[in-house]
């Protein structure tokens, strides 16, 4: 499966910068849906109410996803790659 990777940087409630990628099917282009996925992830991490828009979340590239990523995308519509300050 080809996927689009959206590079995301958000300032956490404690002031640190949280860096993660939102991975979605490559045909998904609606930024509002992608930002909603990011908000769901942030809420799951206890970071409710943070701003997430085109300033914080930008399209990066297309790649082929490995099976575990495809499984999550098929189950919930997206996959998150945690990079920095996500825990």
C-alpha atoms as a PDB file:
ATOM      1  CA  UNK A   1       0.000   0.000   0.000  1.00  0.00           C
ATOM      2  CA  UNK A   2       1.272   3.460  -0.882  1.00  0.00           C
ATOM      3  CA  UNK A   3       0.908   5.919   1.974  1.00  0.00           C
ATOM      4  CA  UNK A   4       1.339   9.656   2.454  1.00  0.00           C
ATOM      5  CA  UNK A   5       3.428  10.801   5.392  1.00  0.00           C
ATOM      6  CA  UNK A   6       2.475  14.070   7.123  1.00  0.00           C
ATOM      7  CA  UNK A   7       5.288  15.510   9.244  1.00  0.00           C
ATOM      8  CA  UNK A   8       3.852  17.000  12.435  1.00  0.00           C
ATOM      9  CA  UNK A   9       5.312  19.220  15.181  1.00  0.00           C
ATOM     10  CA  UNK A  10       3.093  20.323  18.069  1.00  0.00           C
ATOM     11  CA  UNK A  11       3.940  22.258  21.232  1.00  0.00           C
ATOM     12  CA  UNK A  12       2.831  20.072  24.155  1.00  0.00           C
ATOM     13  CA  UNK A  13       1.082  21.369  27.248  1.00  0.00           C
ATOM     14  CA  UNK A  14       4.454  21.322  29.067  1.00  0.00           C
ATOM     15  CA  UNK A  15       6.075  23.480  26.343  1.00  0.00           C
ATOM     16  CA  UNK A  16       8.192  20.755  24.720  1.00  0.00           C
ATOM     17  CA  UNK A  17       7.891  20.035  21.008  1.00  0.00           C
ATOM     18  CA  UNK A  18       6.185  16.778  20.094  1.00  0.00           C
ATOM     19  CA  UNK A  19       7.254  15.381  16.701  1.00  0.00           C
ATOM     20  CA  UNK A  20       5.325  12.587  14.985  1.00  0.00           C
ATOM     21  CA  UNK A  21       4.231  11.511  11.529  1.00  0.00           C
ATOM     22  CA  UNK A  22       0.637  10.854  10.539  1.00  0.00           C
ATOM     23  CA  UNK A  23       0.579   8.114   7.893  1.00  0.00           C
ATOM     24  CA  UNK A  24      -2.540   7.773   5.720  1.00  0.00           C
ATOM     25  CA  UNK A  25      -3.480   6.127   2.405  1.00  0.00           C
ATOM     26  CA  UNK A  26      -1.885   8.129  -0.409  1.00  0.00           C
ATOM     27  CA  UNK A  27      -5.260   8.911  -1.984  1.00  0.00           C
ATOM     28  CA  UNK A  28      -6.428  10.741   1.176  1.00  0.00           C
ATOM     29  CA  UNK A  29      -5.895  14.453   0.487  1.00  0.00           C
ATOM     30  CA  UNK A  30      -8.394  16.101   2.870  1.00  0.00           C
ATOM     31  CA  UNK A  31      -6.257  17.983   5.412  1.00  0.00           C
ATOM     32  CA  UNK A  32      -9.212  18.316   7.805  1.00  0.00           C
ATOM     33  CA  UNK A  33      -9.484  14.532   8.081  1.00  0.00           C
ATOM     34  CA  UNK A  34      -5.720  14.173   8.551  1.00  0.00           C
ATOM     35  CA  UNK A  35      -5.728  16.879  11.237  1.00  0.00           C
ATOM     36  CA  UNK A  36      -8.625  15.057  12.955  1.00  0.00           C
ATOM     37  CA  UNK A  37      -6.479  11.915  13.072  1.00  0.00           C
ATOM     38  CA  UNK A  38      -3.729  13.986  14.682  1.00  0.00           C
ATOM     39  CA  UNK A  39      -6.175  15.403  17.244  1.00  0.00           C
ATOM     40  CA  UNK A  40      -7.328  11.859  18.110  1.00  0.00           C
ATOM     41  CA  UNK A  41      -3.726  10.828  18.665  1.00  0.00           C
ATOM     42  CA  UNK A  42      -3.005  13.911  20.780  1.00  0.00           C
ATOM     43  CA  UNK A  43      -6.089  13.251  22.930  1.00  0.00           C
ATOM     44  CA  UNK A  44      -4.940   9.662  23.468  1.00  0.00           C
ATOM     45  CA  UNK A  45      -1.620  11.096  24.701  1.00  0.00           C
ATOM     46  CA  UNK A  46      -3.357  13.477  27.142  1.00  0.00           C
ATOM     47  CA  UNK A  47      -2.591  16.526  24.984  1.00  0.00           C
ATOM     48  CA  UNK A  48      -6.143  17.792  24.420  1.00  0.00           C
ATOM     49  CA  UNK A  49      -6.854  21.223  22.967  1.00  0.00           C
ATOM     50  CA  UNK A  50      -3.575  21.685  21.105  1.00  0.00           C
ATOM     51  CA  UNK A  51      -3.594  23.469  17.766  1.00  0.00           C
ATOM     52  CA  UNK A  52      -3.090  21.218  14.773  1.00  0.00           C
ATOM     53  CA  UNK A  53      -3.348  22.785  11.324  1.00  0.00           C
ATOM     54  CA  UNK A  54      -1.256  23.252   8.182  1.00  0.00           C
ATOM     55  CA  UNK A  55       1.361  25.164  10.204  1.00  0.00           C
ATOM     56  CA  UNK A  56       2.023  22.161  12.468  1.00  0.00           C
ATOM     57  CA  UNK A  57       1.198  19.324  10.063  1.00  0.00           C
ATOM     58  CA  UNK A  58       2.516  19.232   6.496  1.00  0.00           C
ATOM     59  CA  UNK A  59       2.606  16.702   3.706  1.00  0.00           C
ATOM     60  CA  UNK A  60       6.091  15.221   3.445  1.00  0.00           C
ATOM     61  CA  UNK A  61       6.301  12.274   1.028  1.00  0.00           C
ATOM     62  CA  UNK A  62       4.840   9.006  -0.340  1.00  0.00           C
ATOM     63  CA  UNK A  63       6.245   5.594   0.574  1.00  0.00           C
ATOM     64  CA  UNK A  64       5.229   1.939   0.616  1.00  0.00           C
ATOM     65  CA  UNK A  65       3.967   0.862   4.052  1.00  0.00           C
ATOM     66  CA  UNK A  66       5.013  -2.370   5.778  1.00  0.00           C
ATOM     67  CA  UNK A  67       2.268  -4.825   6.875  1.00  0.00           C
ATOM     68  CA  UNK A  68       1.905  -3.591  10.512  1.00  0.00           C
ATOM     69  CA  UNK A  69       1.307  -0.022   9.270  1.00  0.00           C
ATOM     70  CA  UNK A  70      -1.208  -1.247   6.688  1.00  0.00           C
ATOM     71  CA  UNK A  71      -3.032  -3.188   9.439  1.00  0.00           C
ATOM     72  CA  UNK A  72      -3.451  -0.033  11.568  1.00  0.00           C
ATOM     73  CA  UNK A  73      -4.538   2.042   8.578  1.00  0.00           C
ATOM     74  CA  UNK A  74      -7.146  -0.559   7.631  1.00  0.00           C
ATOM     75  CA  UNK A  75      -8.367  -0.688  11.246  1.00  0.00           C
ATOM     76  CA  UNK A  76      -8.447   3.030  12.154  1.00  0.00           C
ATOM     77  CA  UNK A  77      -7.686   4.981   8.984  1.00  0.00           C
ATOM     78  CA  UNK A  78      -4.188   6.139   9.957  1.00  0.00           C
ATOM     79  CA  UNK A  79      -0.911   5.187  11.620  1.00  0.00           C
ATOM     80  CA  UNK A  80       1.319   7.310  13.873  1.00  0.00           C
ATOM     81  CA  UNK A  81       5.110   7.200  13.834  1.00  0.00           C
ATOM     82  CA  UNK A  82       6.308   8.640  17.157  1.00  0.00           C
ATOM     83  CA  UNK A  83       9.563  10.549  16.774  1.00  0.00           C
ATOM     84  CA  UNK A  84      10.255  12.960  19.674  1.00  0.00           C
ATOM     85  CA  UNK A  85       8.612  13.786  23.024  1.00  0.00           C
ATOM     86  CA  UNK A  86       5.583  11.587  22.371  1.00  0.00           C
ATOM     87  CA  UNK A  87       5.574   9.798  25.743  1.00  0.00           C
END
